[in-house]
C-alpha atoms as a PDB file:
ATOM      1  CA  MET A   1       0.000   0.000   0.000  1.00  0.00           C
ATOM      2  CA  ILE A   2       1.557   3.292  -1.124  1.00  0.00           C
ATOM      3  CA  LEU A   3       1.248   6.001   1.514  1.00  0.00           C
ATOM      4  CA  ASP A   4       0.940   9.794   1.655  1.00  0.00           C
ATOM      5  CA  LYS A   5      -1.543  10.091  -1.201  1.00  0.00           C
ATOM      6  CA  ALA A   6      -1.890  13.839  -0.669  1.00  0.00           C
ATOM      7  CA  ARG A   7       1.785  14.293  -1.528  1.00  0.00           C
ATOM      8  CA  PRO A   8       2.778  11.065  -3.290  1.00  0.00           C
ATOM      9  CA  MET A   9       6.448  10.270  -3.713  1.00  0.00           C
ATOM     10  CA  GLN A  10       7.828   9.348  -7.079  1.00  0.00           C
ATOM     11  CA  ARG A  11       7.421   5.615  -7.574  1.00  0.00           C
ATOM     12  CA  ASN A  12      10.577   3.545  -7.850  1.00  0.00           C
ATOM     13  CA  GLU A  13      10.222   0.002  -9.185  1.00  0.00           C
ATOM     14  CA  LEU A  14      13.449  -1.087  -7.519  1.00  0.00           C
ATOM     15  CA  LEU A  15      12.267   0.209  -4.154  1.00  0.00           C
ATOM     16  CA  ASP A  16       8.786  -1.274  -4.616  1.00  0.00           C
ATOM     17  CA  HIS A  17      10.357  -4.761  -4.894  1.00  0.00           C
ATOM     18  CA  ILE A  18      13.623  -4.205  -3.089  1.00  0.00           C
ATOM     19  CA  PHE A  19      13.862  -7.658  -1.491  1.00  0.00           C
ATOM     20  CA  TRP A  20      13.768  -9.426  -4.845  1.00  0.00           C
ATOM     21  CA  HIS A  21      16.067  -6.946  -6.554  1.00  0.00           C
ATOM     22  CA  THR A  22      18.613  -7.368  -3.750  1.00  0.00           C
ATOM     23  CA  LEU A  23      18.539 -11.155  -3.481  1.00  0.00           C
ATOM     24  CA  SER A  24      18.629 -11.586  -7.261  1.00  0.00           C
ATOM     25  CA  GLY A  25      21.077  -8.716  -7.783  1.00  0.00           C
ATOM     26  CA  ALA A  26      23.620  -7.203  -5.403  1.00  0.00           C
ATOM     27  CA  HIS A  27      23.483 -10.110  -2.936  1.00  0.00           C
ATOM     28  CA  LEU A  28      23.127 -12.936  -5.452  1.00  0.00           C
ATOM     29  CA  ALA A  29      26.362 -14.547  -4.240  1.00  0.00           C
ATOM     30  CA  HIS A  30      24.867 -14.851  -0.738  1.00  0.00           C
ATOM     31  CA  THR A  31      21.624 -16.517  -1.876  1.00  0.00           C
ATOM     32  CA  SER A  32      20.257 -19.734  -3.328  1.00  0.00           C
ATOM     33  CA  GLY A  33      17.193 -20.438  -5.435  1.00  0.00           C
ATOM     34  CA  THR A  34      15.828 -19.949  -8.936  1.00  0.00           C
ATOM     35  CA  ASP A  35      14.773 -17.162 -11.279  1.00  0.00           C
ATOM     36  CA  THR A  36      11.426 -16.962  -9.432  1.00  0.00           C
ATOM     37  CA  ALA A  37      12.359 -17.497  -5.764  1.00  0.00           C
ATOM     38  CA  ARG A  38      15.481 -16.934  -3.694  1.00  0.00           C
ATOM     39  CA  ARG A  39      16.623 -17.119  -0.085  1.00  0.00           C
ATOM     40  CA  TYR A  40      19.652 -15.867   1.795  1.00  0.00           C
ATOM     41  CA  ASN A  41      22.039 -18.713   2.534  1.00  0.00           C
ATOM     42  CA  ARG A  42      22.218 -20.026   6.067  1.00  0.00           C
ATOM     43  CA  GLY A  43      23.896 -17.675   8.497  1.00  0.00           C
ATOM     44  CA  PHE A  44      22.628 -14.564   6.761  1.00  0.00           C
ATOM     45  CA  SER A  45      19.273 -12.924   7.454  1.00  0.00           C
ATOM     46  CA  PRO A  46      16.427 -15.509   7.213  1.00  0.00           C
ATOM     47  CA  ILE A  47      14.641 -13.746   4.354  1.00  0.00           C
ATOM     48  CA  VAL A  48      13.091 -15.061   1.136  1.00  0.00           C
ATOM     49  CA  ALA A  49      11.949 -13.099  -1.901  1.00  0.00           C
ATOM     50  CA  PHE A  50       9.965 -13.794  -5.053  1.00  0.00           C
ATOM     51  CA  ALA A  51      10.063 -12.386  -8.569  1.00  0.00           C
ATOM     52  CA  ASP A  52       6.274 -11.992  -8.341  1.00  0.00           C
ATOM     53  CA  PRO A  53       5.372 -11.431  -4.668  1.00  0.00           C
ATOM     54  CA  ALA A  54       1.664 -11.471  -5.476  1.00  0.00           C
ATOM     55  CA  ARG A  55       2.081 -15.067  -6.700  1.00  0.00           C
ATOM     56  CA  PRO A  56       5.025 -16.415  -4.693  1.00  0.00           C
ATOM     57  CA  ASP A  57       6.614 -19.551  -6.129  1.00  0.00           C
ATOM     58  CA  PHE A  58       7.027 -21.558  -2.930  1.00  0.00           C
ATOM     59  CA  ALA A  59       7.354 -24.779  -4.916  1.00  0.00           C
ATOM     60  CA  ALA A  60      10.552 -23.439  -6.497  1.00  0.00           C
ATOM     61  CA  LEU A  61      11.827 -22.231  -3.124  1.00  0.00           C
ATOM     62  CA  ALA A  62      11.189 -25.425  -1.120  1.00  0.00           C
ATOM     63  CA  PRO A  63      14.117 -27.494  -2.483  1.00  0.00           C
ATOM     64  CA  TRP A  64      16.510 -24.885  -1.126  1.00  0.00           C
ATOM     65  CA  CYS A  65      15.079 -24.970   2.408  1.00  0.00           C
ATOM     66  CA  ALA A  66      15.081 -27.420   5.304  1.00  0.00           C
ATOM     67  CA  PRO A  67      12.015 -28.479   7.309  1.00  0.00           C
ATOM     68  CA  GLY A  68      11.610 -26.270  10.357  1.00  0.00           C
ATOM     69  CA  GLU A  69      13.443 -23.269   8.903  1.00  0.00           C
ATOM     70  CA  HIS A  70      11.695 -19.961   9.531  1.00  0.00           C
ATOM     71  CA  PHE A  71      11.759 -17.157   6.965  1.00  0.00           C
ATOM     72  CA  TYR A  72      10.481 -13.615   6.649  1.00  0.00           C
ATOM     73  CA  CYS A  73       8.742 -12.730   3.398  1.00  0.00           C
ATOM     74  CA  GLU A  74       6.908  -9.661   2.196  1.00  0.00           C
ATOM     75  CA  ASN A  75       3.796  -8.629   0.368  1.00  0.00           C
ATOM     76  CA  TRP A  76       1.655 -11.691  -0.271  1.00  0.00           C
ATOM     77  CA  ASN A  77      -1.716 -12.771   1.084  1.00  0.00           C
ATOM     78  CA  GLY A  78      -3.868 -15.874   1.039  1.00  0.00           C
ATOM     79  CA  ALA A  79      -3.555 -19.338   2.548  1.00  0.00           C
ATOM     80  CA  ALA A  80      -0.251 -21.051   3.226  1.00  0.00           C
ATOM     81  CA  PRO A  81       0.938 -23.060   0.219  1.00  0.00           C
ATOM     82  CA  PRO A  82       1.207 -26.857   0.510  1.00  0.00           C
ATOM     83  CA  GLY A  83       4.041 -27.912   2.802  1.00  0.00           C
ATOM     84  CA  TRP A  84       4.322 -24.520   4.486  1.00  0.00           C
ATOM     85  CA  ARG A  85       2.704 -22.822   7.468  1.00  0.00           C
ATOM     86  CA  ILE A  86       2.302 -19.176   8.430  1.00  0.00           C
ATOM     87  CA  ASP A  87       3.624 -18.509  11.946  1.00  0.00           C
ATOM     88  CA  ALA A  88       3.118 -14.738  12.182  1.00  0.00           C
ATOM     89  CA  GLU A  89       1.755 -11.824  10.199  1.00  0.00           C
ATOM     90  CA  THR A  90       2.074  -8.066  10.609  1.00  0.00           C
ATOM     91  CA  THR A  91       2.801  -4.997   8.503  1.00  0.00           C
ATOM     92  CA  MET A  92       5.845  -2.791   8.195  1.00  0.00           C
ATOM     93  CA  PHE A  93       6.621   0.643   6.837  1.00  0.00           C
ATOM     94  CA  ARG A  94       9.247   1.187   4.167  1.00  0.00           C
ATOM     95  CA  MET A  95      10.610   4.666   4.812  1.00  0.00           C
ATOM     96  CA  VAL A  96      12.931   6.795   2.670  1.00  0.00           C
ATOM     97  CA  TRP A  97      15.187   9.632   3.737  1.00  0.00           C
ATOM     98  CA  GLY A  98      13.634  12.974   2.848  1.00  0.00           C
ATOM     99  CA  GLY A  99      15.931  15.405   4.633  1.00  0.00           C
ATOM    100  CA  ALA A 100      19.171  17.221   3.930  1.00  0.00           C
ATOM    101  CA  MET A 101      22.570  15.686   4.557  1.00  0.00           C
ATOM    102  CA  PRO A 102      23.077  15.374   8.329  1.00  0.00           C
ATOM    103  CA  PRO A 103      25.986  17.255   9.867  1.00  0.00           C
ATOM    104  CA  GLU A 104      29.181  15.353  10.564  1.00  0.00           C
ATOM    105  CA  VAL A 105      28.583  12.955  13.421  1.00  0.00           C
ATOM    106  CA  GLN A 106      30.477  13.064  16.697  1.00  0.00           C
ATOM    107  CA  ALA A 107      30.230  10.576  19.533  1.00  0.00           C
ATOM    108  CA  PRO A 108      28.598  11.787  22.754  1.00  0.00           C
ATOM    109  CA  ALA A 109      30.852  12.873  25.603  1.00  0.00           C
ATOM    110  CA  GLY A 110      32.660   9.985  27.215  1.00  0.00           C
ATOM    111  CA  VAL A 111      32.050   7.588  24.303  1.00  0.00           C
ATOM    112  CA  ALA A 112      34.712   6.507  21.815  1.00  0.00           C
ATOM    113  CA  GLU A 113      33.999   7.095  18.120  1.00  0.00           C
ATOM    114  CA  ALA A 114      32.012   4.444  16.270  1.00  0.00           C
ATOM    115  CA  VAL A 115      34.121   1.704  14.696  1.00  0.00           C
ATOM    116  CA  PRO A 116      33.475  -0.532  11.678  1.00  0.00           C
ATOM    117  CA  LEU A 117      32.256  -4.002  12.626  1.00  0.00           C
ATOM    118  CA  GLY A 118      34.118  -6.944  11.144  1.00  0.00           C
ATOM    119  CA  PRO A 119      34.048 -10.739  11.441  1.00  0.00           C
ATOM    120  CA  GLN A 120      35.598 -10.487  14.905  1.00  0.00           C
ATOM    121  CA  HIS A 121      32.437  -8.657  16.049  1.00  0.00           C
ATOM    122  CA  ALA A 122      29.913 -11.056  14.502  1.00  0.00           C
ATOM    123  CA  GLN A 123      29.013 -12.841  17.737  1.00  0.00           C
ATOM    124  CA  GLN A 124      28.626  -9.576  19.659  1.00  0.00           C
ATOM    125  CA  ALA A 125      26.410  -8.181  16.894  1.00  0.00           C
ATOM    126  CA  LEU A 126      24.246 -11.310  16.887  1.00  0.00           C
ATOM    127  CA  GLU A 127      23.877 -11.221  20.682  1.00  0.00           C
ATOM    128  CA  LEU A 128      22.824  -7.565  20.588  1.00  0.00           C
ATOM    129  CA  ALA A 129      20.337  -8.239  17.774  1.00  0.00           C
ATOM    130  CA  THR A 130      18.934 -11.248  19.627  1.00  0.00           C
ATOM    131  CA  LEU A 131      18.372  -9.034  22.672  1.00  0.00           C
ATOM    132  CA  CYS A 132      16.924  -6.023  20.843  1.00  0.00           C
ATOM    133  CA  LYS A 133      15.143  -7.793  17.943  1.00  0.00           C
ATOM    134  CA  PRO A 134      15.629  -5.191  15.180  1.00  0.00           C
ATOM    135  CA  GLY A 135      14.423  -7.713  12.581  1.00  0.00           C
ATOM    136  CA  PRO A 136      15.727 -10.879  10.916  1.00  0.00           C
ATOM    137  CA  PHE A 137      19.421 -11.171  11.727  1.00  0.00           C
ATOM    138  CA  GLY A 138      22.042 -13.908  11.447  1.00  0.00           C
ATOM    139  CA  ILE A 139      25.649 -14.468  12.446  1.00  0.00           C
ATOM    140  CA  ARG A 140      26.792 -13.331   8.959  1.00  0.00           C
ATOM    141  CA  THR A 141      24.381 -10.432   8.465  1.00  0.00           C
ATOM    142  CA  ILE A 142      27.095  -7.838   9.040  1.00  0.00           C
ATOM    143  CA  GLU A 143      28.801  -9.148   5.881  1.00  0.00           C
ATOM    144  CA  LEU A 144      25.939  -7.779   3.763  1.00  0.00           C
ATOM    145  CA  GLY A 145      27.101  -4.161   4.094  1.00  0.00           C
ATOM    146  CA  ASP A 146      29.040  -1.717   6.221  1.00  0.00           C
ATOM    147  CA  TYR A 147      28.174  -1.939   9.919  1.00  0.00           C
ATOM    148  CA  PHE A 148      29.299   0.399  12.675  1.00  0.00           C
ATOM    149  CA  GLY A 149      29.067   0.213  16.436  1.00  0.00           C
ATOM    150  CA  TYR A 150      29.783   2.051  19.656  1.00  0.00           C
ATOM    151  CA  PHE A 151      31.682   0.109  22.310  1.00  0.00           C
ATOM    152  CA  ASP A 152      32.045   0.388  26.066  1.00  0.00           C
ATOM    153  CA  GLY A 153      35.328  -1.435  26.439  1.00  0.00           C
ATOM    154  CA  GLU A 154      34.634  -4.793  24.801  1.00  0.00           C
ATOM    155  CA  ARG A 155      30.852  -4.429  25.119  1.00  0.00           C
ATOM    156  CA  LEU A 156      28.871  -3.472  22.011  1.00  0.00           C
ATOM    157  CA  MET A 157      26.479  -0.716  23.095  1.00  0.00           C
ATOM    158  CA  ALA A 158      24.770   0.087  19.787  1.00  0.00           C
ATOM    159  CA  MET A 159      25.052  -0.743  16.103  1.00  0.00           C
ATOM    160  CA  ALA A 160      23.569  -0.001  12.705  1.00  0.00           C
ATOM    161  CA  GLY A 161      24.508  -0.981   9.192  1.00  0.00           C
ATOM    162  CA  GLU A 162      23.484  -1.742   5.634  1.00  0.00           C
ATOM    163  CA  ARG A 163      21.531  -4.640   4.170  1.00  0.00           C
ATOM    164  CA  LEU A 164      19.274  -4.410   1.085  1.00  0.00           C
ATOM    165  CA  ARG A 165      20.570  -2.467  -1.888  1.00  0.00           C
ATOM    166  CA  ALA A 166      19.938  -1.690  -5.528  1.00  0.00           C
ATOM    167  CA  PRO A 167      21.352   0.967  -7.849  1.00  0.00           C
ATOM    168  CA  GLY A 168      20.850   4.328  -6.133  1.00  0.00           C
ATOM    169  CA  LEU A 169      19.364   2.782  -2.977  1.00  0.00           C
ATOM    170  CA  CYS A 170      20.800   1.436   0.276  1.00  0.00           C
ATOM    171  CA  GLU A 171      18.953   0.197   3.354  1.00  0.00           C
ATOM    172  CA  ILE A 172      19.823   1.091   6.930  1.00  0.00           C
ATOM    173  CA  SER A 173      19.253  -2.013   9.032  1.00  0.00           C
ATOM    174  CA  GLY A 174      20.136  -3.797  12.255  1.00  0.00           C
ATOM    175  CA  VAL A 175      19.595  -0.621  14.276  1.00  0.00           C
ATOM    176  CA  CYS A 176      19.670  -1.390  17.984  1.00  0.00           C
ATOM    177  CA  THR A 177      20.947  -0.141  21.329  1.00  0.00           C
ATOM    178  CA  HIS A 178      21.536  -2.255  24.421  1.00  0.00           C
ATOM    179  CA  PRO A 179      18.955  -1.352  27.104  1.00  0.00           C
ATOM    180  CA  ASP A 180      21.749  -0.354  29.484  1.00  0.00           C
ATOM    181  CA  TYR A 181      22.853   2.411  27.091  1.00  0.00           C
ATOM    182  CA  GLN A 182      19.607   3.816  25.754  1.00  0.00           C
ATOM    183  CA  GLY A 183      18.871   7.539  25.938  1.00  0.00           C
ATOM    184  CA  ARG A 184      22.282   8.705  24.724  1.00  0.00           C
ATOM    185  CA  GLY A 185      21.358   9.107  21.048  1.00  0.00           C
ATOM    186  CA  LEU A 186      23.780   6.370  19.952  1.00  0.00           C
ATOM    187  CA  ALA A 187      21.519   4.769  17.329  1.00  0.00           C
ATOM    188  CA  LYS A 188      20.485   8.154  15.974  1.00  0.00           C
ATOM    189  CA  ARG A 189      24.142   9.078  15.477  1.00  0.00           C
ATOM    190  CA  LEU A 190      24.873   5.804  13.702  1.00  0.00           C
ATOM    191  CA  ILE A 191      21.898   6.329  11.384  1.00  0.00           C
ATOM    192  CA  ALA A 192      23.014   9.879  10.607  1.00  0.00           C
ATOM    193  CA  GLY A 193      26.498   8.631   9.796  1.00  0.00           C
ATOM    194  CA  LEU A 194      25.127   6.042   7.374  1.00  0.00           C
ATOM    195  CA  ILE A 195      22.895   8.620   5.692  1.00  0.00           C
ATOM    196  CA  ARG A 196      25.941  10.844   5.154  1.00  0.00           C
ATOM    197  CA  ARG A 197      27.850   7.944   3.565  1.00  0.00           C
ATOM    198  CA  HIS A 198      24.932   7.128   1.289  1.00  0.00           C
ATOM    199  CA  MET A 199      24.383  10.702   0.165  1.00  0.00           C
ATOM    200  CA  GLN A 200      28.078  11.228  -0.477  1.00  0.00           C
ATOM    201  CA  ARG A 201      28.086   8.319  -2.928  1.00  0.00           C
ATOM    202  CA  GLY A 202      24.749   9.224  -4.505  1.00  0.00           C
ATOM    203  CA  ASP A 203      22.510   6.638  -2.807  1.00  0.00           C
ATOM    204  CA  ARG A 204      19.167   7.270  -1.146  1.00  0.00           C
ATOM    205  CA  SER A 205      18.773   5.792   2.332  1.00  0.00           C
ATOM    206  CA  PHE A 206      15.734   3.783   3.303  1.00  0.00           C
ATOM    207  CA  LEU A 207      14.759   1.541   6.185  1.00  0.00           C
ATOM    208  CA  HIS A 208      12.019  -0.741   7.469  1.00  0.00           C
ATOM    209  CA  VAL A 209      10.136  -0.566  10.740  1.00  0.00           C
ATOM    210  CA  MET A 210       7.240  -2.660  12.001  1.00  0.00           C
ATOM    211  CA  ARG A 211       3.937  -0.854  12.499  1.00  0.00           C
ATOM    212  CA  SER A 212       3.985  -1.688  16.224  1.00  0.00           C
ATOM    213  CA  ASN A 213       7.503  -0.312  16.755  1.00  0.00           C
ATOM    214  CA  PRO A 214       7.508   3.144  18.438  1.00  0.00           C
ATOM    215  CA  ALA A 215      10.730   3.897  16.529  1.00  0.00           C
ATOM    216  CA  HIS A 216       8.485   4.697  13.554  1.00  0.00           C
ATOM    217  CA  GLN A 217       7.790   8.128  15.024  1.00  0.00           C
ATOM    218  CA  LEU A 218      11.482   8.639  15.790  1.00  0.00           C
ATOM    219  CA  TYR A 219      12.318   8.032  12.137  1.00  0.00           C
ATOM    220  CA  LEU A 220       9.606  10.450  11.020  1.00  0.00           C
ATOM    221  CA  ASP A 221      11.013  13.079  13.371  1.00  0.00           C
ATOM    222  CA  MET A 222      14.505  12.507  11.972  1.00  0.00           C
ATOM    223  CA  GLY A 223      13.395  13.185   8.397  1.00  0.00           C
ATOM    224  CA  PHE A 224      12.366   9.820   6.972  1.00  0.00           C
ATOM    225  CA  LYS A 225       9.063   9.605   5.103  1.00  0.00           C
ATOM    226  CA  ASP A 226       6.677   6.690   4.766  1.00  0.00           C
ATOM    227  CA  TYR A 227       6.921   5.223   1.257  1.00  0.00           C
ATOM    228  CA  LEU A 228       4.667   2.188   1.589  1.00  0.00           C
ATOM    229  CA  GLU A 229       3.242  -0.224   4.125  1.00  0.00           C
ATOM    230  CA  SER A 230       3.388  -3.915   3.288  1.00  0.00           C
ATOM    231  CA  THR A 231       2.420  -7.255   4.775  1.00  0.00           C
ATOM    232  CA  VAL A 232       5.183  -9.278   6.414  1.00  0.00           C
ATOM    233  CA  ARG A 233       4.822 -12.946   7.238  1.00  0.00           C
ATOM    234  CA  VAL A 234       7.010 -15.480   9.006  1.00  0.00           C
ATOM    235  CA  VAL A 235       6.691 -18.838   7.264  1.00  0.00           C
ATOM    236  CA  THR A 236       8.075 -22.284   8.024  1.00  0.00           C
ATOM    237  CA  LEU A 237       8.688 -25.219   5.706  1.00  0.00           C
ATOM    238  CA  GLU A 238       7.041 -28.342   7.086  1.00  0.00           C
ATOM    239  CA  ALA A 239       7.517 -30.940   4.330  1.00  0.00           C
ATOM    240  CA  PRO A 240      10.952 -32.520   3.649  1.00  0.00           C
ATOM    241  CA  THR A 241      12.542 -31.858   0.252  1.00  0.00           C
ATOM    242  CA  GLY A 242      15.677 -33.981   0.079  1.00  0.00           C
ATOM    243  CA  LYS A 243      17.747 -31.146  -1.416  1.00  0.00           C
ATOM    244  CA  VAL A 244      21.367 -30.683  -0.345  1.00  0.00           C
ATOM    245  CA  LEU A 245      21.369 -27.194   1.156  1.00  0.00           C
ATOM    246  CA  PRO A 246      24.086 -24.531   0.802  1.00  0.00           C
END
């Protein structure tokens, strides 16, 4: 559902179907599937995407999945296909940056500057995401883009990074702050830093937030605008397939 009909944004086909364009494009090397259905490989974010989300080809996807695996998928309705079950359903906003370039970001007093997250930080990032639940996240998710974090000694206080992408577009994702460090503006600074990076290279920043997440208003206040609201489901494969998985 496209939002803000009084002042509609220019439609962007890549952004309308960003999950498919990412999994079949920029992140193809990190996915498995066919020309109609793809999934991130194990260890990355548990997300699937379809060339035609209105008619998702679950039959093509199933051989690349294992029974009991849970996946997030967007923008389809109707009953669960044979061999699959729907575990959860909600909606999320896709928001695009509508403001000017943020000023250069500085860490708050008493906090060291944000540092890039690498493989040595993967377990810390996963533990923080598991605690804060910013969305589907795996041990290798930080390999999908540039991630940054603020540390208190060896403890990861907050992080944010990049996930979905297509020409001219880059998603801000994995935004979370440990409850012990909230209220310092750490996540907001990380987001601003990513927006600056994107704008400097000619990309437009976007992000996703669940309808029930109060951060939606925070993002509006920052300068993001609602682009569309779509259905999100968590689905699980029930039937065995016999395929050797990646």
